[in-house]
N, C-alpha and C. Protein backbone atom coordinates (compact mmCIF):
# COMPACT_ATOMS: atom_id res chain seq x y z
N UNK A 1 1.23 -1.36 0.22
CA UNK A 1 0.15 0.10 -0.29
C UNK A 1 0.77 1.22 0.17
N UNK A 2 2.39 1.49 0.49
CA UNK A 2 2.98 1.73 0.54
C UNK A 2 3.51 2.81 -1.06
N UNK A 3 3.14 2.05 -1.84
CA UNK A 3 3.72 2.45 -3.28
C UNK A 3 2.58 3.26 -3.71
N UNK A 4 0.89 3.43 -4.12
CA UNK A 4 0.70 3.92 -4.16
C UNK A 4 0.37 5.01 -3.25
N UNK A 5 0.38 5.15 -2.00
CA UNK A 5 0.71 6.35 -1.50
C UNK A 5 1.77 7.38 -2.36
N UNK A 6 2.74 6.65 -1.70
CA UNK A 6 3.56 7.87 -2.63
C UNK A 6 3.79 8.15 -3.94
N UNK A 7 3.68 7.10 -4.85
CA UNK A 7 2.86 7.59 -6.10
C UNK A 7 1.34 8.91 -6.15
N UNK A 8 0.73 8.58 -4.83
CA UNK A 8 -0.15 9.60 -5.34
C UNK A 8 0.26 11.25 -4.75
N UNK A 9 1.23 11.16 -3.65
CA UNK A 9 2.01 12.03 -3.28
C UNK A 9 3.01 12.88 -4.23
N UNK A 10 3.53 12.00 -4.79
CA UNK A 10 4.33 12.84 -5.97
C UNK A 10 3.52 13.40 -6.62
N UNK A 11 2.88 12.68 -7.21
CA UNK A 11 1.81 13.20 -8.42
C UNK A 11 1.48 14.31 -7.58
N UNK A 12 1.01 14.67 -6.98
CA UNK A 12 0.38 15.84 -6.04
C UNK A 12 1.39 17.46 -5.84
N UNK A 13 2.92 16.52 -5.07
CA UNK A 13 3.60 17.06 -5.56
C UNK A 13 4.21 18.46 -6.65
N UNK A 14 3.91 17.28 -8.13
CA UNK A 14 4.14 17.86 -9.37
C UNK A 14 2.77 18.84 -9.39
N UNK A 15 2.06 18.30 -9.08
CA UNK A 15 1.20 19.52 -9.74
C UNK A 15 0.79 21.14 -8.60
N UNK A 16 0.90 20.93 -7.73
CA UNK A 16 1.25 22.06 -6.22
C UNK A 16 2.53 22.75 -7.13
N UNK A 17 3.87 22.11 -7.22
CA UNK A 17 5.17 22.89 -7.28
C UNK A 17 4.66 23.87 -8.24
N UNK A 18 4.42 24.00 -9.34
CA UNK A 18 4.29 24.51 -10.66
C UNK A 18 3.41 25.94 -10.27
N UNK A 19 2.01 25.53 -9.62
CA UNK A 19 1.52 26.35 -8.74
C UNK A 19 2.11 27.51 -8.20
N UNK A 20 2.56 26.74 -7.23
CA UNK A 20 3.31 28.00 -6.13
C UNK A 20 4.61 28.57 -6.98
N UNK A 21 4.74 27.91 -7.62
CA UNK A 21 6.00 29.05 -8.35
C UNK A 21 5.30 30.05 -9.17
N UNK A 22 4.24 29.51 -10.09
CA UNK A 22 3.57 30.60 -11.01
C UNK A 22 3.12 32.17 -10.05
N UNK A 23 2.54 31.74 -8.49
CA UNK A 23 2.09 32.91 -7.29
C UNK A 23 3.36 33.11 -6.91
N UNK A 24 4.62 32.96 -7.13
CA UNK A 24 5.47 33.44 -5.79
C UNK A 24 6.20 34.36 -6.22
N UNK A 25 6.65 34.94 -7.90
CA UNK A 25 6.11 35.93 -8.42
C UNK A 25 8.35 35.50 -8.56
N UNK A 26 8.18 35.17 -9.79
CA UNK A 26 10.16 34.61 -9.52
C UNK A 26 10.79 36.12 -9.66
N UNK A 27 12.10 35.86 -9.80
CA UNK A 27 12.61 37.76 -10.53
C UNK A 27 13.56 37.22 -10.60
N UNK A 28 14.56 38.03 -11.28
CA UNK A 28 15.87 38.33 -12.27
C UNK A 28 16.71 39.11 -11.43
N UNK A 29 17.23 38.48 -11.09
CA UNK A 29 18.51 40.07 -10.61
C UNK A 29 20.07 39.65 -12.07
N UNK A 30 20.66 40.79 -12.27
CA UNK A 30 21.52 40.92 -13.00
C UNK A 30 22.88 40.62 -11.97
N UNK A 31 23.71 40.22 -12.61
CA UNK A 31 25.07 40.40 -11.48
C UNK A 31 25.34 42.14 -11.55
N UNK A 32 25.99 42.71 -9.94
CA UNK A 32 26.82 43.86 -9.81
C UNK A 32 25.31 44.93 -9.87
N UNK A 33 24.05 44.40 -10.05
CA UNK A 33 22.98 45.35 -10.01
C UNK A 33 21.84 44.65 -8.89
N UNK A 34 21.47 45.53 -8.19
CA UNK A 34 20.45 45.14 -7.13
C UNK A 34 19.40 45.41 -7.01
N UNK A 35 18.82 45.93 -8.65
CA UNK A 35 17.39 46.15 -8.71
C UNK A 35 16.96 44.98 -9.07
N UNK A 36 16.15 44.67 -9.29
CA UNK A 36 15.03 43.29 -9.07
C UNK A 36 14.03 43.80 -9.83
N UNK A 37 14.07 42.75 -11.25
CA UNK A 37 13.19 42.88 -12.02
C UNK A 37 12.56 41.52 -12.33
N UNK A 38 10.93 41.79 -11.90
CA UNK A 38 9.98 40.36 -12.12
C UNK A 38 9.96 39.82 -13.53
N UNK A 39 9.31 38.80 -13.74
CA UNK A 39 9.25 38.16 -14.75
C UNK A 39 8.05 38.17 -14.72
N UNK A 40 7.88 38.20 -16.00
CA UNK A 40 6.00 38.28 -16.35
C UNK A 40 6.16 38.58 -17.69
N UNK A 41 5.09 39.32 -17.95
CA UNK A 41 4.46 39.40 -19.90
C UNK A 41 5.39 40.54 -20.02
N UNK A 42 5.76 40.20 -21.80
CA UNK A 42 7.35 40.76 -22.22
C UNK A 42 6.05 41.90 -23.12
N UNK A 43 6.49 43.12 -22.70
CA UNK A 43 6.32 44.34 -23.91
C UNK A 43 6.73 44.96 -24.53
N UNK A 44 6.86 45.49 -25.64
CA UNK A 44 7.23 46.22 -26.44
C UNK A 44 8.72 47.55 -26.18
N UNK A 45 9.25 47.91 -25.92
CA UNK A 45 9.53 49.10 -25.70
C UNK A 45 10.73 49.08 -24.43
N UNK A 46 10.88 49.68 -23.58
CA UNK A 46 12.25 50.07 -22.65
C UNK A 46 11.80 49.68 -21.49
N UNK A 47 11.95 48.82 -20.60
CA UNK A 47 11.86 48.45 -19.27
C UNK A 47 11.94 49.13 -18.20
N UNK A 48 13.13 50.67 -19.03
CA UNK A 48 13.07 51.80 -17.93
C UNK A 48 12.44 52.69 -17.37
N UNK A 49 11.59 52.27 -18.85
CA UNK A 49 10.55 53.45 -19.03
C UNK A 49 9.41 53.37 -17.53
N UNK A 50 9.54 53.59 -16.57
CA UNK A 50 7.78 53.01 -16.17
C UNK A 50 7.04 53.77 -15.56
N UNK A 51 7.61 55.67 -16.27
CA UNK A 51 6.81 56.25 -16.36
C UNK A 51 5.27 55.71 -16.97
N UNK A 52 5.32 55.45 -18.28
CA UNK A 52 4.22 55.05 -19.27
C UNK A 52 3.19 53.69 -18.08
N UNK A 53 3.65 53.25 -17.07
CA UNK A 53 3.26 52.41 -16.67
C UNK A 53 2.80 53.10 -15.42
N UNK A 54 2.09 53.85 -15.16
CA UNK A 54 1.53 55.11 -14.10
C UNK A 54 0.72 55.17 -14.61
N UNK A 55 -0.28 54.98 -14.17
CA UNK A 55 -1.65 55.42 -14.49
C UNK A 55 -3.08 55.67 -12.84
N UNK A 56 -3.89 56.58 -13.35
CA UNK A 56 -4.49 57.03 -12.72
C UNK A 56 -6.20 56.68 -13.42
N UNK A 57 -7.47 57.02 -12.59
CA UNK A 57 -8.65 57.34 -12.82
C UNK A 57 -10.06 58.72 -13.47
N UNK A 58 -10.00 59.00 -13.93
CA UNK A 58 -11.37 59.88 -13.59
C UNK A 58 -12.62 59.15 -13.85
N UNK A 59 -13.40 59.96 -13.42
CA UNK A 59 -14.79 60.22 -13.58
C UNK A 59 -15.86 61.75 -13.24
N UNK A 60 -16.45 61.59 -14.04
CA UNK A 60 -16.96 63.17 -14.61
C UNK A 60 -18.28 63.08 -14.45
N UNK A 61 -18.60 63.92 -13.41
CA UNK A 61 -20.29 64.26 -13.69
C UNK A 61 -20.49 65.36 -13.96
N UNK A 62 -20.90 64.62 -15.69
CA UNK A 62 -21.01 65.97 -16.98
C UNK A 62 -22.37 66.21 -16.19
N UNK A 63 -22.85 67.13 -17.31
CA UNK A 63 -24.83 67.45 -17.65
C UNK A 63 -25.45 65.74 -17.76
N UNK A 64 -26.45 65.78 -17.36
CA UNK A 64 -27.43 64.77 -17.81
C UNK A 64 -28.31 64.96 -18.79
N UNK A 65 -28.97 63.62 -19.13
CA UNK A 65 -29.91 64.17 -20.46
C UNK A 65 -30.75 62.91 -20.01
N UNK A 66 -32.42 63.72 -20.60
CA UNK A 66 -33.45 62.46 -19.98
C UNK A 66 -33.64 61.67 -20.65
N UNK A 67 -33.88 60.32 -20.67
CA UNK A 67 -34.26 59.17 -21.59
C UNK A 67 -35.40 58.65 -20.58
N UNK A 68 -36.95 58.82 -21.64
CA UNK A 68 -37.90 58.33 -21.50
C UNK A 68 -37.78 57.02 -22.17
N UNK A 69 -38.34 55.31 -20.96
CA UNK A 69 -38.22 54.48 -21.71
C UNK A 69 -39.63 53.37 -20.73
N UNK A 70 -40.52 53.69 -21.84
CA UNK A 70 -42.39 53.39 -21.56
C UNK A 70 -42.48 54.75 -20.42
N UNK A 71 -42.68 54.23 -18.89
CA UNK A 71 -43.10 54.99 -17.49
C UNK A 71 -41.64 55.28 -17.47
N UNK A 72 -40.91 55.25 -17.80
CA UNK A 72 -39.60 54.85 -16.55
C UNK A 72 -38.34 56.55 -17.53
N UNK A 73 -38.64 56.97 -16.68
CA UNK A 73 -37.25 57.98 -16.83
C UNK A 73 -35.83 57.98 -16.11
N UNK A 74 -34.61 58.49 -17.16
CA UNK A 74 -33.28 58.00 -16.88
C UNK A 74 -32.22 58.96 -17.40
N UNK A 75 -31.80 59.62 -16.16
CA UNK A 75 -30.85 60.61 -16.43
C UNK A 75 -29.49 60.11 -16.54
N UNK A 76 -28.62 59.64 -17.44
CA UNK A 76 -27.46 59.73 -18.11
C UNK A 76 -26.49 60.48 -18.19
N UNK A 77 -25.42 60.06 -17.97
CA UNK A 77 -24.59 61.74 -17.55
C UNK A 77 -24.25 61.57 -19.60
N UNK A 78 -24.26 63.19 -20.48
CA UNK A 78 -23.36 63.23 -21.13
C UNK A 78 -22.33 62.80 -21.85
N UNK A 79 -21.40 62.99 -22.95
CA UNK A 79 -20.50 62.56 -23.18
C UNK A 79 -19.28 63.52 -22.78
N UNK A 80 -18.14 63.41 -23.04
CA UNK A 80 -16.87 64.37 -23.01
C UNK A 80 -15.88 63.78 -23.45
N UNK A 81 -14.34 64.63 -23.65
CA UNK A 81 -13.73 64.35 -24.40
C UNK A 81 -12.71 65.03 -23.49
N UNK A 82 -11.81 64.12 -23.86
CA UNK A 82 -9.75 64.22 -22.96
C UNK A 82 -9.04 64.88 -23.82
N UNK A 83 -8.88 65.54 -24.25
CA UNK A 83 -7.14 66.27 -24.69
C UNK A 83 -6.09 66.62 -23.80
N UNK A 84 -4.98 66.47 -24.65
CA UNK A 84 -3.94 66.70 -23.87
C UNK A 84 -3.57 68.14 -23.81
N UNK A 85 -2.71 68.41 -23.16
CA UNK A 85 -2.33 69.81 -23.40
C UNK A 85 -1.95 70.68 -24.39
N UNK A 86 -1.14 70.17 -25.56
CA UNK A 86 -1.33 71.15 -26.93
C UNK A 86 -2.10 70.35 -27.85
N UNK A 87 -3.47 70.22 -26.78
CA UNK A 87 -4.84 70.05 -27.63
C UNK A 87 -4.98 69.01 -28.35
N UNK A 88 -4.40 68.00 -28.28
CA UNK A 88 -4.34 66.64 -29.08
C UNK A 88 -5.65 65.99 -28.69
N UNK A 89 -6.45 65.69 -29.46
CA UNK A 89 -7.45 64.65 -28.52
C UNK A 89 -7.35 63.00 -28.57
N UNK A 90 -7.32 63.16 -27.05
CA UNK A 90 -6.58 61.52 -26.47
C UNK A 90 -7.62 60.62 -25.83
N UNK A 91 -9.20 61.34 -25.58
CA UNK A 91 -10.06 59.83 -26.13
C UNK A 91 -11.77 60.98 -25.88
N UNK A 92 -12.01 60.10 -26.54
CA UNK A 92 -14.06 60.28 -26.12
C UNK A 92 -14.38 59.51 -25.40
N UNK A 93 -15.12 60.01 -24.76
CA UNK A 93 -15.68 59.20 -23.42
C UNK A 93 -17.30 59.21 -23.59
N UNK A 94 -17.60 57.96 -23.79
CA UNK A 94 -19.21 57.68 -23.83
C UNK A 94 -20.25 58.32 -22.65
N UNK A 95 -19.57 57.74 -21.90
CA UNK A 95 -19.79 57.73 -19.93
C UNK A 95 -21.23 57.86 -19.74
N UNK A 96 -21.26 56.29 -20.09
CA UNK A 96 -21.99 55.41 -20.04
C UNK A 96 -22.49 54.25 -20.86
N UNK A 97 -23.11 53.41 -19.79
CA UNK A 97 -22.61 52.12 -20.50
C UNK A 97 -23.89 51.73 -21.48
N UNK A 98 -24.97 51.89 -20.77
CA UNK A 98 -26.19 51.85 -21.56
C UNK A 98 -27.28 52.95 -21.51
N UNK A 99 -28.27 53.11 -22.24
CA UNK A 99 -29.06 54.78 -22.13
C UNK A 99 -29.51 54.60 -20.49
N UNK A 100 -30.00 53.88 -19.67
CA UNK A 100 -30.76 53.93 -18.63
C UNK A 100 -29.31 53.70 -17.51
N UNK A 101 -27.94 53.99 -17.73
CA UNK A 101 -26.97 54.30 -16.92
C UNK A 101 -26.66 54.78 -16.14
N UNK A 102 -27.15 55.38 -15.23
CA UNK A 102 -26.83 56.83 -14.79
C UNK A 102 -25.44 56.51 -13.85
N UNK A 103 -24.60 56.04 -13.87
CA UNK A 103 -23.44 56.26 -13.25
C UNK A 103 -22.26 56.97 -14.52
N UNK A 104 -21.37 57.94 -13.79
CA UNK A 104 -20.57 58.09 -15.21
C UNK A 104 -19.35 56.92 -15.30
N UNK A 105 -18.82 56.72 -16.01
CA UNK A 105 -18.11 55.60 -16.32
C UNK A 105 -16.87 56.04 -16.21
N UNK A 106 -16.10 55.02 -15.29
CA UNK A 106 -14.70 55.35 -14.54
C UNK A 106 -13.47 55.04 -15.87
N UNK A 107 -12.59 56.02 -16.60
CA UNK A 107 -11.74 56.33 -17.55
C UNK A 107 -10.14 55.92 -16.94
N UNK A 108 -9.88 55.05 -17.08
CA UNK A 108 -8.39 54.48 -16.76
C UNK A 108 -7.63 55.62 -17.68
N UNK A 109 -6.47 56.52 -17.26
CA UNK A 109 -5.16 57.51 -17.68
C UNK A 109 -4.42 57.48 -17.57
N UNK A 110 -3.34 57.83 -18.28
CA UNK A 110 -1.98 57.39 -17.50
C UNK A 110 -1.60 59.08 -17.34
N UNK A 111 -0.63 58.71 -15.97
CA UNK A 111 -0.49 59.63 -15.38
C UNK A 111 -0.29 61.00 -15.98
N UNK A 112 -0.77 62.52 -16.00
CA UNK A 112 -0.09 63.66 -16.19
C UNK A 112 -1.44 64.44 -16.27
N UNK A 113 -1.34 65.33 -17.13
CA UNK A 113 -2.65 67.14 -16.96
C UNK A 113 -3.54 66.51 -18.27
N UNK A 114 -4.80 66.90 -18.41
CA UNK A 114 -5.10 66.96 -19.35
C UNK A 114 -6.39 67.69 -19.30
N UNK A 115 -6.73 68.35 -20.20
CA UNK A 115 -8.21 69.59 -20.78
C UNK A 115 -9.26 68.94 -20.90
N UNK A 116 -10.49 68.43 -20.13
CA UNK A 116 -11.60 67.45 -20.40
C UNK A 116 -12.47 68.92 -20.71
N UNK A 117 -12.85 68.41 -21.69
CA UNK A 117 -14.32 69.46 -22.77
C UNK A 117 -15.75 68.52 -22.23
N UNK A 118 -16.65 69.04 -21.44
CA UNK A 118 -17.94 68.90 -21.56
C UNK A 118 -19.15 69.40 -21.23
N UNK A 119 -20.36 68.78 -20.71
CA UNK A 119 -21.15 69.70 -20.59
C UNK A 119 -22.19 70.20 -19.48
N UNK A 120 -21.63 71.36 -18.45
CA UNK A 120 -22.08 71.58 -17.63
C UNK A 120 -23.67 71.79 -17.06
N UNK A 121 -24.94 71.43 -16.44
CA UNK A 121 -25.92 72.17 -16.57
C UNK A 121 -26.09 73.87 -16.05
N UNK A 122 -25.18 73.76 -15.53
CA UNK A 122 -25.04 75.51 -15.40
C UNK A 122 -24.59 76.15 -16.26
N UNK A 123 -23.43 75.55 -16.52
CA UNK A 123 -22.82 76.77 -17.57
C UNK A 123 -22.40 76.08 -19.02
N UNK A 124 -23.12 75.52 -19.11
CA UNK A 124 -22.92 74.94 -20.40
C UNK A 124 -21.55 74.12 -20.66
N UNK A 125 -21.12 74.33 -22.03
CA UNK A 125 -19.92 73.84 -22.38
C UNK A 125 -18.69 74.25 -22.09
N UNK A 126 -17.85 73.56 -21.10
CA UNK A 126 -16.74 74.00 -20.23
C UNK A 126 -15.54 73.13 -20.31
N UNK A 127 -14.40 73.64 -19.96
CA UNK A 127 -13.12 73.29 -20.48
C UNK A 127 -12.15 73.27 -19.39
N UNK A 128 -12.71 72.24 -18.43
CA UNK A 128 -11.52 72.09 -17.04
C UNK A 128 -10.21 71.53 -17.37
N UNK A 129 -8.90 71.92 -16.45
CA UNK A 129 -7.42 71.21 -16.34
C UNK A 129 -7.88 70.13 -15.96
N UNK A 130 -7.63 69.07 -15.88
CA UNK A 130 -7.93 67.67 -14.41
C UNK A 130 -6.55 67.18 -14.96
N UNK A 131 -5.48 67.05 -13.02
CA UNK A 131 -4.78 66.00 -13.19
C UNK A 131 -4.62 65.09 -12.52
N UNK A 132 -4.25 64.29 -13.64
CA UNK A 132 -4.37 62.06 -13.13
C UNK A 132 -2.62 62.34 -12.37
N UNK A 133 -3.59 61.15 -11.42
CA UNK A 133 -2.21 61.19 -10.09
C UNK A 133 -1.99 59.39 -10.08
N UNK A 134 -0.93 59.34 -9.82
CA UNK A 134 -0.97 57.64 -10.15
C UNK A 134 -1.56 57.00 -8.83
N UNK A 135 -2.52 55.82 -9.20
CA UNK A 135 -2.86 54.70 -8.46
C UNK A 135 -4.10 55.51 -7.76
N UNK A 136 -4.96 57.15 -7.97
CA UNK A 136 -5.48 57.79 -7.71
C UNK A 136 -6.93 58.08 -8.56
N UNK A 137 -7.94 58.21 -8.26
CA UNK A 137 -9.20 58.63 -8.72
C UNK A 137 -9.50 60.23 -8.54
N UNK A 138 -9.29 60.47 -9.77
CA UNK A 138 -9.85 62.69 -10.09
C UNK A 138 -11.61 62.30 -10.06
N UNK A 139 -12.10 62.69 -9.32
CA UNK A 139 -13.87 63.30 -9.27
C UNK A 139 -14.06 64.35 -9.94
N UNK A 140 -14.49 64.47 -10.85
CA UNK A 140 -15.04 66.19 -11.61
C UNK A 140 -16.04 66.02 -11.44
N UNK A 141 -16.97 67.06 -11.13
CA UNK A 141 -18.31 67.33 -10.64
C UNK A 141 -18.15 68.49 -11.04
N UNK A 142 -19.02 68.79 -12.52
CA UNK A 142 -19.02 70.16 -13.19
C UNK A 142 -20.25 70.92 -12.44
N UNK A 143 -21.30 70.55 -11.72
CA UNK A 143 -22.34 70.72 -11.11
C UNK A 143 -22.57 71.54 -9.71
N UNK A 144 -21.34 71.33 -9.01
CA UNK A 144 -20.31 70.97 -7.49
C UNK A 144 -20.79 72.52 -7.05
N UNK A 145 -20.29 73.50 -7.87
CA UNK A 145 -19.49 74.76 -7.24
C UNK A 145 -21.08 75.34 -6.83
N UNK A 146 -21.03 76.39 -6.43
CA UNK A 146 -22.17 77.53 -6.07
C UNK A 146 -22.50 78.50 -6.43
N UNK A 147 -23.19 78.92 -7.50
CA UNK A 147 -23.43 80.24 -8.06
C UNK A 147 -23.56 81.61 -7.24
N UNK A 148 -23.05 82.73 -7.18
CA UNK A 148 -23.18 83.44 -6.28
C UNK A 148 -24.05 84.51 -7.22
N UNK A 149 -24.97 85.43 -6.20
CA UNK A 149 -25.68 86.02 -7.39
C UNK A 149 -25.42 87.41 -7.06
């Protein structure tokens, strides 16, 4: 009975060891270098340029549009556009997943400064400077400010 038991333990070990190694996060070290490089998916470009990997998130509460569907009424947020500082179009955002979606879309962006052009309920079309920081969610609520008379 010991032979089948040893065989089953050996087979189990053969299945578990690769699984553990894949979760362990193997690292590669170059001689004379103190930097650890994780083994992972290969991407084109320089591995030294980690600034490209830095990203944050943007959620824009733009003006809403009324959508009637039978007796139901929905107020999804209007679309907006994101431009780079030099005025180039970076991304157009629909800002909803469906006609009845009232939650603004969460957009992933590289770290940096952008100009967001969107429609506000109070001020019409506006352009707002937005800074995206690494790992942070930036919320832009266009109608949050107080109007003074």
